Amino acid sequence: MQDHAAIQEKPRQGWAGLWNISFGFFGIQIGFALQNANMSRVFQSLGSGIDDLPALWVAAPLTGLLVQPIVGHMSDRTWLGRLGRRRPYFLAGAVLAAAALLLMPESGGSGSGLLMAAMLLWMLDASLNVSMEPFRAFVGDMLRRDQHTAGYAVQTAFIGAGAVVGSLFPYVLEHLGVSNSAELGGIPDTVRYSFWAGGIALLAAVLWTVLTTREYSPEEQAAFDGKADHDDGASAAALAARSMTGGLAWIAAGLVTALLVWTWGLEKEVYLLAGLLAGYGAATMLAIRLARAGRSASMLAGIVGDFAGMPPLMKRLAFVQFFSWSALFIMWINTTPVVAQYHFGSADPASAAYQEAGNWVGVLFSVYNGVAAVAALALLPLLSARLGKAKTHALCLVAGAAGFAGFLLLRDPQALLACEIGIGIAWASILAMPYAILASSLPQAKLGIYMGLFNVFVVLPQLLVATVMGSIMKAFFPGEPIWTMAFAAGTLLVAALASLRIGETAQ
């Protein structure tokens, strides 16, 4: 039996400590903001059609789906002396992400520019995920349970601030006299210089956290948590006892999806979804065989076993995350073409109006991120103290749904700023509340893998949007991207209703 008297309490972190722990996320979010606000613009500037955007964006969620559980599993088991457990992943991801940002503007000017941009997006998103996932666990590693809400609020504030900086880069550069236009097949200088500056800022911010923090050793963490092992025995036994039928069902679902794509003539990227369904089924069956053979220590068996054995609270939160992030990914893909076509009157990527719309989208994104930074520190603690975390999250998601609905009703570009306030409130809650609820309920020894698995429900909806949304829009709303915002509003309302079912344990 665990000796609770022997458990030590982690030292309380002051504001300087909270700053140092999460400052690296400021740089990571600059990278994400440049990606989210500009990649559709880059792809279309290099010759992509609007119907091809979801397929080109599919690299982002696919890399997150594969990378985050692997990095979470590995970081739980890593200790590199003075460099620590999570910081090696921060550093490696930051170096690779900075390289991708520096190279992205060189995609233009060649016949294979679109392919190069897609490959660099893949590299950028994979690298950002390598850095990002351990940062989520890092807060739980470094802070006492009663500081988790404050820690994730500070992290969200840095996310918002970094996104403001990243989103505003092209807009500010244009007003400083940098050219904002380019011929079809080229990338404007505003975007080019923004990516270069963002790469430098990302690496510098992550280095700050690496150099100013000291991680607790495995022995210290064991003393804080009251146990030294990963307690893999229960997960391995449960996995070994599972039937192969579940894996076969996933494989069958993949085959049926592929057949529907072929029969109905759906967009070819949906084949990727079919492959992932079948692949998960095959991985599940292999993991069960490994567990039955006594090889539960393998990475595959460990990840699949932990995925199958997620705590009930985590499963309920995962459902909320799935629908919340569906709305966000719809926004990131479609805001530029929506604003250009409906608010600036041009769907031609080579036109000055389209490029002006691209810069205005950067401003809009900076507003919702700025609102999120303020709301994380000022609004969320106040609401959660009165309503509880789950109800606060539901209320914030409703505000976001109202913001997305505004895109369908308003045609003045300036009026869209009001929409971004609601979206920003939702964004703050999405980044803080689920993690604050979750971190305090998970075992310290498995914080990395569970955070990685939780983030699967961040990237799965993005993958679904990237593979299916194009087919839906082409079939029902051809050439009318504005209706994607209605989908986004609807999915946030579903997430809000689901968050009310999280339960009293989340209050």
Protein backbone atom coordinates (compact mmCIF):
# COMPACT_ATOMS: atom_id res chain seq x y z
CA MET A 1 0.00 0.00 0.00
CA GLN A 2 1.19 3.50 -0.83
CA ASP A 3 2.58 5.45 2.13
CA HIS A 4 0.85 8.82 1.81
CA ALA A 5 2.90 10.28 4.66
CA ALA A 6 6.06 9.79 2.62
CA ILE A 7 4.77 11.78 -0.35
CA GLN A 8 6.45 15.16 -0.65
CA GLU A 9 4.81 18.27 -2.07
CA LYS A 10 6.36 20.06 -5.03
CA PRO A 11 7.61 23.56 -4.31
CA ARG A 12 5.14 26.31 -5.19
CA GLN A 13 6.19 28.23 -8.31
CA GLY A 14 6.06 32.01 -8.39
CA TRP A 15 5.22 34.06 -11.47
CA ALA A 16 8.81 33.89 -12.68
CA GLY A 17 8.71 30.10 -12.51
CA LEU A 18 5.36 29.95 -14.32
CA TRP A 19 6.79 32.28 -16.98
CA ASN A 20 9.91 30.18 -17.56
CA ILE A 21 7.99 26.89 -17.70
CA SER A 22 5.70 28.04 -20.52
CA PHE A 23 7.63 30.78 -22.35
CA GLY A 24 8.76 28.31 -25.01
CA PHE A 25 5.14 27.88 -26.01
CA PHE A 26 5.17 31.56 -27.04
CA GLY A 27 7.63 30.68 -29.82
CA ILE A 28 5.87 27.44 -30.76
CA GLN A 29 2.61 29.32 -31.19
CA ILE A 30 4.28 31.90 -33.43
CA GLY A 31 5.07 28.97 -35.70
CA PHE A 32 1.53 27.59 -35.52
CA ALA A 33 0.05 31.04 -36.16
CA LEU A 34 2.16 31.60 -39.26
CA GLN A 35 1.13 28.16 -40.48
CA ASN A 36 -2.58 28.57 -39.72
CA ALA A 37 -2.99 32.08 -41.13
CA ASN A 38 -0.78 31.75 -44.20
CA MET A 39 -0.55 28.19 -45.53
CA SER A 40 -3.84 28.31 -47.48
CA ARG A 41 -2.58 31.59 -48.94
CA VAL A 42 0.79 30.04 -49.78
CA PHE A 43 -0.82 27.01 -51.42
CA GLN A 44 -3.19 29.13 -53.51
CA SER A 45 -0.40 31.53 -54.46
CA LEU A 46 1.56 28.52 -55.73
CA GLY A 47 -1.36 27.42 -57.91
CA SER A 48 -3.62 25.27 -55.71
CA GLY A 49 -7.39 25.38 -56.23
CA ILE A 50 -9.71 25.90 -53.26
CA ASP A 51 -11.04 22.32 -53.53
CA ASP A 52 -7.47 21.01 -53.12
CA LEU A 53 -6.76 22.86 -49.86
CA PRO A 54 -8.05 20.16 -47.47
CA ALA A 55 -5.86 17.52 -49.15
CA LEU A 56 -2.78 19.74 -48.85
CA TRP A 57 -3.57 20.47 -45.21
CA VAL A 58 -3.91 16.79 -44.37
CA ALA A 59 -0.21 16.63 -43.49
CA ALA A 60 -0.79 18.67 -40.34
CA PRO A 61 -3.26 16.43 -38.49
CA LEU A 62 -1.68 13.22 -39.77
CA THR A 63 1.71 14.11 -38.32
CA GLY A 64 0.12 15.10 -35.02
CA LEU A 65 -1.80 11.84 -34.88
CA LEU A 66 1.38 9.81 -35.30
CA VAL A 67 3.87 11.97 -33.43
CA GLN A 68 2.11 12.98 -30.21
CA PRO A 69 1.46 9.54 -28.66
CA ILE A 70 4.96 8.38 -29.62
CA VAL A 71 6.62 11.46 -28.13
CA GLY A 72 4.42 11.24 -25.03
CA HIS A 73 5.34 7.57 -24.51
CA MET A 74 9.05 8.23 -25.06
CA SER A 75 9.26 11.38 -22.93
CA ASP A 76 7.75 9.54 -19.94
CA ARG A 77 10.71 7.16 -20.18
CA THR A 78 13.47 9.64 -21.05
CA TRP A 79 16.07 11.04 -18.69
CA LEU A 80 19.16 12.70 -20.17
CA GLY A 81 20.77 13.99 -17.00
CA ARG A 82 21.00 17.78 -16.96
CA LEU A 83 18.91 18.08 -20.14
CA GLY A 84 16.06 16.27 -18.40
CA ARG A 85 12.94 14.46 -19.59
CA ARG A 86 10.82 16.84 -21.69
CA ARG A 87 13.40 19.46 -22.69
CA PRO A 88 15.25 17.26 -25.23
CA TYR A 89 12.00 17.08 -27.21
CA PHE A 90 11.39 20.84 -26.91
CA LEU A 91 14.83 21.50 -28.34
CA ALA A 92 14.82 18.94 -31.17
CA GLY A 93 11.36 19.99 -32.33
CA ALA A 94 12.24 23.69 -32.22
CA VAL A 95 15.38 23.26 -34.33
CA LEU A 96 13.50 21.31 -37.02
CA ALA A 97 10.48 23.65 -36.98
CA ALA A 98 12.73 26.72 -37.33
CA ALA A 99 14.42 25.08 -40.32
CA ALA A 100 11.02 24.43 -41.96
CA LEU A 101 9.96 28.05 -41.43
CA LEU A 102 13.20 29.35 -42.94
CA LEU A 103 12.84 27.09 -45.98
CA MET A 104 9.09 27.54 -46.62
CA PRO A 105 9.41 30.87 -48.52
CA GLU A 106 11.81 29.18 -50.96
CA SER A 107 8.93 27.00 -52.23
CA GLY A 108 8.04 29.55 -54.91
CA GLY A 109 9.71 29.98 -58.24
CA SER A 110 9.79 26.37 -59.43
CA GLY A 111 7.42 23.88 -61.01
CA SER A 112 7.52 21.71 -57.91
CA GLY A 113 6.88 24.61 -55.54
CA LEU A 114 3.49 23.31 -54.38
CA LEU A 115 4.95 19.88 -53.59
CA MET A 116 7.85 21.46 -51.70
CA ALA A 117 5.44 23.62 -49.66
CA ALA A 118 3.32 20.57 -48.79
CA MET A 119 6.40 18.59 -47.70
CA LEU A 120 7.66 21.49 -45.60
CA LEU A 121 4.22 21.84 -43.98
CA TRP A 122 4.51 18.17 -43.03
CA MET A 123 7.95 18.78 -41.53
CA LEU A 124 6.83 21.96 -39.77
CA ASP A 125 3.76 20.42 -38.18
CA ALA A 126 5.59 17.26 -37.11
CA SER A 127 8.33 19.35 -35.50
CA LEU A 128 5.89 21.67 -33.75
CA ASN A 129 4.08 18.62 -32.37
CA VAL A 130 7.37 17.16 -31.10
CA SER A 131 7.88 20.37 -29.11
CA MET A 132 4.27 21.01 -28.14
CA GLU A 133 3.18 17.69 -26.62
CA PRO A 134 5.88 17.58 -23.90
CA PHE A 135 5.05 21.18 -22.97
CA ARG A 136 1.56 20.03 -21.93
CA ALA A 137 3.05 17.35 -19.68
CA PHE A 138 5.79 19.76 -18.51
CA VAL A 139 3.24 21.88 -16.64
CA GLY A 140 2.01 18.81 -14.79
CA ASP A 141 5.60 17.72 -14.08
CA MET A 142 6.69 21.03 -12.61
CA LEU A 143 3.62 22.25 -10.71
CA ARG A 144 1.65 21.22 -7.66
CA ARG A 145 -1.89 20.07 -8.37
CA ASP A 146 -3.35 23.24 -6.88
CA GLN A 147 -1.33 25.27 -9.41
CA HIS A 148 -2.40 23.35 -12.52
CA THR A 149 -5.16 25.79 -13.45
CA ALA A 150 -2.78 28.75 -13.06
CA GLY A 151 -0.07 26.93 -15.02
CA TYR A 152 -2.30 26.16 -17.99
CA ALA A 153 -3.76 29.67 -17.86
CA VAL A 154 -0.27 31.17 -18.15
CA GLN A 155 0.53 28.72 -20.95
CA THR A 156 -2.66 29.77 -22.75
CA ALA A 157 -1.73 33.43 -22.34
CA PHE A 158 1.62 32.72 -24.02
CA ILE A 159 -0.14 30.77 -26.75
CA GLY A 160 -2.41 33.74 -27.38
CA ALA A 161 0.44 36.25 -27.31
CA GLY A 162 2.57 34.16 -29.67
CA ALA A 163 -0.33 33.75 -32.04
CA VAL A 164 -0.93 37.51 -32.07
CA VAL A 165 2.69 38.12 -33.02
CA GLY A 166 2.71 35.41 -35.67
CA SER A 167 -0.62 36.45 -37.17
CA LEU A 168 0.29 40.15 -37.37
CA PHE A 169 3.71 39.73 -39.01
CA PRO A 170 2.51 40.11 -42.66
CA TYR A 171 0.11 42.96 -41.82
CA VAL A 172 2.78 44.95 -39.97
CA LEU A 173 5.39 44.36 -42.65
CA GLU A 174 3.04 45.64 -45.37
CA HIS A 175 2.49 48.84 -43.40
CA LEU A 176 6.26 49.19 -43.11
CA GLY A 177 6.50 49.20 -46.90
CA VAL A 178 7.27 45.54 -47.65
CA SER A 179 5.65 44.24 -50.85
CA ASN A 180 2.46 42.27 -50.27
CA SER A 181 1.95 41.04 -53.84
CA ALA A 182 3.50 38.37 -56.01
CA GLU A 183 2.79 36.77 -59.35
CA LEU A 184 1.03 33.39 -59.39
CA GLY A 185 3.69 30.88 -58.46
CA GLY A 186 5.45 33.26 -56.07
CA ILE A 187 5.12 34.11 -52.38
CA PRO A 188 4.77 37.78 -51.25
CA ASP A 189 7.71 39.28 -49.39
CA THR A 190 5.46 39.99 -46.38
CA VAL A 191 4.93 36.24 -45.96
CA ARG A 192 8.54 35.40 -46.80
CA TYR A 193 10.04 37.70 -44.15
CA SER A 194 7.38 36.68 -41.61
CA PHE A 195 8.38 33.02 -41.86
CA TRP A 196 12.05 33.87 -41.45
CA ALA A 197 11.45 36.06 -38.38
CA GLY A 198 9.10 33.45 -36.94
CA GLY A 199 11.71 30.70 -37.21
CA ILE A 200 14.24 32.76 -35.27
CA ALA A 201 11.69 33.76 -32.60
CA LEU A 202 10.53 30.15 -32.15
CA LEU A 203 14.01 28.83 -31.53
CA ALA A 204 14.90 31.67 -29.15
CA ALA A 205 11.77 31.22 -27.02
CA VAL A 206 12.22 27.46 -26.64
CA LEU A 207 15.88 27.95 -25.73
CA TRP A 208 14.72 30.30 -22.96
CA THR A 209 12.66 27.54 -21.33
CA VAL A 210 15.39 24.94 -21.84
CA LEU A 211 18.01 27.14 -20.19
CA THR A 212 15.95 28.59 -17.32
CA THR A 213 14.24 25.45 -15.97
CA ARG A 214 15.45 22.39 -14.10
CA GLU A 215 13.31 19.28 -14.30
CA TYR A 216 12.73 17.04 -11.32
CA SER A 217 14.63 13.76 -11.54
CA PRO A 218 12.77 10.43 -11.73
CA GLU A 219 13.55 9.89 -8.03
CA GLU A 220 12.13 13.30 -7.08
CA GLN A 221 9.01 12.70 -9.20
CA ALA A 222 8.54 9.32 -7.53
CA ALA A 223 8.70 10.99 -4.12
CA PHE A 224 6.12 13.60 -5.21
CA ASP A 225 3.82 11.01 -6.77
CA GLY A 226 4.28 8.30 -4.18
CA LYS A 227 5.33 5.58 -6.65
CA ALA A 228 8.32 4.99 -8.87
CA ASP A 229 7.04 2.78 -11.68
CA HIS A 230 4.72 3.28 -14.63
CA ASP A 231 2.23 0.69 -13.35
CA ASP A 232 2.04 -0.93 -16.80
CA GLY A 233 0.91 -4.30 -15.43
CA ALA A 234 -2.82 -3.52 -15.33
CA SER A 235 -2.80 -2.03 -18.84
CA ALA A 236 -0.86 -4.99 -20.23
CA ALA A 237 -3.19 -7.52 -18.61
CA ALA A 238 -6.27 -5.71 -19.90
CA LEU A 239 -4.78 -5.54 -23.40
CA ALA A 240 -3.88 -9.24 -23.42
CA ALA A 241 -7.44 -10.10 -22.39
CA ARG A 242 -9.00 -8.18 -25.26
CA SER A 243 -10.57 -9.98 -28.20
CA MET A 244 -9.23 -9.60 -31.73
CA THR A 245 -12.79 -8.78 -32.84
CA GLY A 246 -12.34 -5.08 -32.18
CA GLY A 247 -9.29 -4.88 -34.44
CA LEU A 248 -11.14 -6.77 -37.17
CA ALA A 249 -14.03 -4.32 -36.88
CA TRP A 250 -11.70 -1.35 -37.41
CA ILE A 251 -10.16 -3.04 -40.45
CA ALA A 252 -13.64 -3.73 -41.84
CA ALA A 253 -14.59 -0.08 -41.29
CA GLY A 254 -11.54 0.99 -43.29
CA LEU A 255 -12.40 -1.35 -46.15
CA VAL A 256 -16.03 -0.16 -46.22
CA THR A 257 -14.86 3.48 -46.26
CA ALA A 258 -12.52 2.77 -49.17
CA LEU A 259 -15.34 1.03 -51.03
CA LEU A 260 -17.64 4.02 -50.51
CA VAL A 261 -14.96 6.39 -51.84
CA TRP A 262 -14.60 4.26 -54.95
CA THR A 263 -18.35 3.73 -55.44
CA TRP A 264 -19.52 7.29 -54.78
CA GLY A 265 -16.54 9.05 -56.34
CA LEU A 266 -15.57 10.92 -53.18
CA GLU A 267 -12.41 13.00 -52.92
CA LYS A 268 -9.32 10.79 -53.06
CA GLU A 269 -7.96 12.06 -49.74
CA VAL A 270 -10.76 10.10 -48.01
CA TYR A 271 -8.74 6.99 -48.88
CA LEU A 272 -6.32 8.20 -46.22
CA LEU A 273 -9.08 8.06 -43.63
CA ALA A 274 -9.87 4.51 -44.75
CA GLY A 275 -6.21 3.56 -44.43
CA LEU A 276 -6.01 4.99 -40.91
CA LEU A 277 -9.07 3.05 -39.76
CA ALA A 278 -7.67 -0.20 -41.12
CA GLY A 279 -4.20 0.65 -39.82
CA TYR A 280 -5.49 1.20 -36.29
CA GLY A 281 -7.25 -2.15 -36.43
CA ALA A 282 -4.07 -3.91 -37.54
CA ALA A 283 -2.03 -2.10 -34.86
CA THR A 284 -4.55 -3.14 -32.19
CA MET A 285 -4.35 -6.79 -33.20
CA LEU A 286 -0.55 -6.71 -33.24
CA ALA A 287 -0.45 -5.01 -29.82
CA ILE A 288 -2.75 -7.69 -28.37
CA ARG A 289 -0.46 -10.42 -29.71
CA LEU A 290 2.59 -8.67 -28.20
CA ALA A 291 0.86 -8.38 -24.82
CA ARG A 292 -0.14 -12.05 -24.87
CA ALA A 293 3.45 -12.98 -25.68
CA GLY A 294 4.69 -11.05 -22.63
CA ARG A 295 6.12 -8.15 -24.66
CA SER A 296 3.95 -5.46 -23.12
CA ALA A 297 6.98 -3.19 -22.70
CA SER A 298 7.04 -2.54 -26.46
CA MET A 299 6.01 0.94 -27.54
CA LEU A 300 3.08 -0.26 -29.66
CA ALA A 301 1.62 -2.43 -26.88
CA GLY A 302 2.11 0.36 -24.35
CA ILE A 303 0.39 3.02 -26.48
CA VAL A 304 -2.52 0.81 -27.54
CA GLY A 305 -2.95 -0.49 -23.98
CA ASP A 306 -3.02 3.01 -22.51
CA PHE A 307 -5.40 4.18 -25.25
CA ALA A 308 -7.80 1.34 -24.47
CA GLY A 309 -7.47 1.97 -20.73
CA MET A 310 -8.13 5.71 -20.70
CA PRO A 311 -9.84 6.93 -17.50
CA PRO A 312 -13.59 7.65 -17.90
CA LEU A 313 -13.10 11.39 -17.34
CA MET A 314 -10.54 11.49 -20.12
CA LYS A 315 -12.97 9.75 -22.49
CA ARG A 316 -15.67 12.34 -21.81
CA LEU A 317 -13.20 15.19 -22.31
CA ALA A 318 -11.96 13.55 -25.53
CA PHE A 319 -15.48 13.75 -27.00
CA VAL A 320 -15.60 17.47 -26.21
CA GLN A 321 -12.15 18.03 -27.73
CA PHE A 322 -13.11 16.19 -30.91
CA PHE A 323 -15.93 18.58 -31.76
CA SER A 324 -14.13 21.69 -30.48
CA TRP A 325 -11.13 21.14 -32.72
CA SER A 326 -13.28 20.25 -35.72
CA ALA A 327 -14.50 23.85 -35.65
CA LEU A 328 -11.01 25.28 -35.27
CA PHE A 329 -9.58 23.35 -38.20
CA ILE A 330 -12.51 24.40 -40.40
CA MET A 331 -11.66 27.99 -39.48
CA TRP A 332 -7.94 27.69 -40.22
CA ILE A 333 -8.48 26.15 -43.63
CA ASN A 334 -11.35 28.30 -44.83
CA THR A 335 -11.16 31.77 -43.26
CA THR A 336 -8.88 33.22 -45.96
CA PRO A 337 -11.00 32.07 -48.94
CA VAL A 338 -14.22 33.02 -47.10
CA VAL A 339 -13.07 36.52 -46.21
CA ALA A 340 -11.54 37.09 -49.66
CA GLN A 341 -14.67 35.99 -51.54
CA TYR A 342 -17.44 37.40 -49.33
CA HIS A 343 -15.86 40.38 -47.61
CA PHE A 344 -13.28 41.63 -50.14
CA GLY A 345 -15.04 40.51 -53.33
CA SER A 346 -12.31 38.38 -54.91
CA ALA A 347 -11.62 34.66 -55.07
CA ASP A 348 -8.58 35.15 -57.35
CA PRO A 349 -5.34 34.50 -55.41
CA ALA A 350 -3.40 36.67 -57.86
CA SER A 351 -5.56 39.74 -57.17
CA ALA A 352 -4.60 42.58 -54.84
CA ALA A 353 -7.95 42.21 -53.05
CA TYR A 354 -7.23 38.58 -52.23
CA GLN A 355 -3.81 39.42 -50.81
CA GLU A 356 -5.36 42.26 -48.81
CA ALA A 357 -7.90 39.78 -47.45
CA GLY A 358 -5.03 37.46 -46.50
CA ASN A 359 -3.47 40.21 -44.40
CA TRP A 360 -6.83 41.03 -42.83
CA VAL A 361 -7.26 37.38 -41.84
CA GLY A 362 -3.93 37.73 -40.03
CA VAL A 363 -5.42 40.66 -38.12
CA LEU A 364 -8.58 38.70 -37.33
CA PHE A 365 -6.54 35.78 -36.07
CA SER A 366 -4.44 38.11 -33.95
CA VAL A 367 -7.61 39.47 -32.36
CA TYR A 368 -9.01 36.10 -31.32
CA ASN A 369 -5.61 35.10 -29.97
CA GLY A 370 -5.24 38.38 -28.12
CA VAL A 371 -8.68 37.94 -26.60
CA ALA A 372 -7.68 34.40 -25.59
CA ALA A 373 -4.54 35.67 -23.85
CA VAL A 374 -6.55 38.14 -21.78
CA ALA A 375 -9.47 35.77 -21.14
CA ALA A 376 -7.16 33.01 -19.90
CA LEU A 377 -5.87 35.18 -17.07
CA ALA A 378 -8.89 37.39 -16.35
CA LEU A 379 -12.12 35.68 -17.41
CA LEU A 380 -11.61 31.93 -17.00
CA PRO A 381 -10.49 31.94 -13.33
CA LEU A 382 -13.46 34.16 -12.41
CA LEU A 383 -16.03 32.03 -14.25
CA SER A 384 -14.61 28.69 -13.12
CA ALA A 385 -14.66 29.80 -9.48
CA ARG A 386 -18.38 30.53 -9.76
CA LEU A 387 -19.63 27.97 -12.29
CA GLY A 388 -17.05 25.17 -12.18
CA LYS A 389 -14.67 24.25 -14.98
CA ALA A 390 -17.12 22.18 -17.05
CA LYS A 391 -19.90 24.78 -17.16
CA THR A 392 -17.36 27.53 -17.82
CA HIS A 393 -16.07 25.55 -20.78
CA ALA A 394 -19.61 25.06 -22.14
CA LEU A 395 -20.37 28.80 -21.88
CA CYS A 396 -17.15 29.74 -23.66
CA LEU A 397 -17.84 27.27 -26.49
CA VAL A 398 -21.28 28.83 -27.04
CA ALA A 399 -19.58 32.22 -27.37
CA GLY A 400 -17.34 30.72 -30.04
CA ALA A 401 -20.32 29.29 -31.93
CA ALA A 402 -21.88 32.75 -32.00
CA GLY A 403 -18.65 34.13 -33.43
CA PHE A 404 -18.62 31.63 -36.30
CA ALA A 405 -22.30 32.32 -37.03
CA GLY A 406 -21.42 35.99 -37.45
CA PHE A 407 -19.40 35.21 -40.58
CA LEU A 408 -22.63 34.18 -42.31
CA LEU A 409 -24.49 37.32 -41.26
CA LEU A 410 -21.92 40.13 -41.57
CA ARG A 411 -20.30 41.46 -44.75
CA ASP A 412 -18.26 44.38 -43.40
CA PRO A 413 -14.68 43.15 -42.82
CA GLN A 414 -14.37 45.43 -39.78
CA ALA A 415 -17.48 43.87 -38.23
CA LEU A 416 -15.76 40.49 -38.21
CA LEU A 417 -13.65 41.77 -35.32
CA ALA A 418 -16.69 41.28 -33.08
CA CYS A 419 -16.92 37.65 -34.21
CA GLU A 420 -13.31 37.10 -33.18
CA ILE A 421 -14.09 38.10 -29.60
CA GLY A 422 -16.42 35.14 -29.19
CA ILE A 423 -13.98 32.83 -30.97
CA GLY A 424 -11.15 34.08 -28.75
CA ILE A 425 -13.09 33.30 -25.57
CA ALA A 426 -13.74 29.78 -26.85
CA TRP A 427 -10.08 29.38 -27.86
CA ALA A 428 -8.89 30.38 -24.37
CA SER A 429 -11.11 27.78 -22.77
CA ILE A 430 -10.20 25.04 -25.27
CA LEU A 431 -6.51 25.55 -24.53
CA ALA A 432 -6.81 25.72 -20.74
CA MET A 433 -9.88 24.08 -19.23
CA PRO A 434 -9.65 20.49 -20.55
CA TYR A 435 -5.96 20.28 -19.60
CA ALA A 436 -6.52 21.76 -16.15
CA ILE A 437 -9.33 19.24 -15.57
CA LEU A 438 -7.25 16.36 -16.88
CA ALA A 439 -3.80 17.00 -15.39
CA SER A 440 -5.02 16.76 -11.80
CA SER A 441 -6.65 13.37 -12.43
CA LEU A 442 -3.77 11.54 -14.15
CA PRO A 443 -0.85 9.57 -12.63
CA GLN A 444 2.41 11.52 -12.87
CA ALA A 445 4.34 8.57 -14.33
CA LYS A 446 2.02 8.45 -17.35
CA LEU A 447 1.36 12.15 -17.80
CA GLY A 448 3.23 12.31 -21.11
CA ILE A 449 1.52 9.37 -22.79
CA TYR A 450 -1.94 10.36 -21.58
CA MET A 451 -1.44 13.97 -22.77
CA GLY A 452 -0.24 12.59 -26.10
CA LEU A 453 -3.25 10.32 -26.38
CA PHE A 454 -5.57 13.16 -25.35
CA ASN A 455 -4.16 15.23 -28.18
CA VAL A 456 -5.14 12.46 -30.60
CA PHE A 457 -8.63 13.90 -30.16
CA VAL A 458 -7.23 17.26 -31.22
CA VAL A 459 -5.79 15.92 -34.47
CA LEU A 460 -8.40 13.27 -35.37
CA PRO A 461 -11.10 15.87 -36.09
CA GLN A 462 -8.60 17.89 -38.11
CA LEU A 463 -7.86 14.81 -40.17
CA LEU A 464 -11.57 14.17 -40.63
CA VAL A 465 -12.14 17.76 -41.77
CA ALA A 466 -9.17 17.58 -44.14
CA THR A 467 -10.41 14.36 -45.75
CA VAL A 468 -14.20 14.71 -45.69
CA MET A 469 -15.03 18.43 -45.73
CA GLY A 470 -13.89 18.85 -49.33
CA SER A 471 -16.29 16.13 -50.49
CA ILE A 472 -19.18 17.61 -48.50
CA MET A 473 -18.63 21.12 -49.83
CA LYS A 474 -18.17 19.94 -53.41
CA ALA A 475 -21.39 17.89 -53.25
CA PHE A 476 -23.69 20.37 -51.48
CA PHE A 477 -22.11 23.85 -51.57
CA PRO A 478 -19.79 24.03 -54.62
CA GLY A 479 -17.90 27.33 -54.74
CA GLU A 480 -19.60 28.54 -51.51
CA PRO A 481 -17.01 28.19 -48.70
CA ILE A 482 -19.06 30.45 -46.39
CA TRP A 483 -21.09 27.41 -45.30
CA THR A 484 -18.04 25.90 -43.65
CA MET A 485 -18.55 28.51 -40.92
CA ALA A 486 -22.04 27.10 -40.27
CA PHE A 487 -20.45 23.67 -39.78
CA ALA A 488 -17.96 25.22 -37.35
CA ALA A 489 -20.73 26.87 -35.31
CA GLY A 490 -22.68 23.62 -35.15
CA THR A 491 -19.74 21.52 -33.97
CA LEU A 492 -18.97 23.98 -31.16
CA LEU A 493 -22.57 23.76 -29.96
CA VAL A 494 -22.27 19.96 -29.86
CA ALA A 495 -19.04 20.33 -27.86
CA ALA A 496 -20.74 22.74 -25.44
CA LEU A 497 -23.55 20.25 -24.76
CA ALA A 498 -21.02 17.44 -24.29
CA SER A 499 -18.99 19.49 -21.82
CA LEU A 500 -22.00 19.68 -19.52
CA ARG A 501 -21.76 15.88 -19.19
CA ILE A 502 -18.15 15.85 -17.99
CA GLY A 503 -19.38 15.46 -14.41
CA GLU A 504 -18.85 16.80 -10.95
CA THR A 505 -15.26 15.51 -10.81
CA ALA A 506 -14.36 18.30 -13.23
CA GLN A 507 -15.80 21.04 -11.10
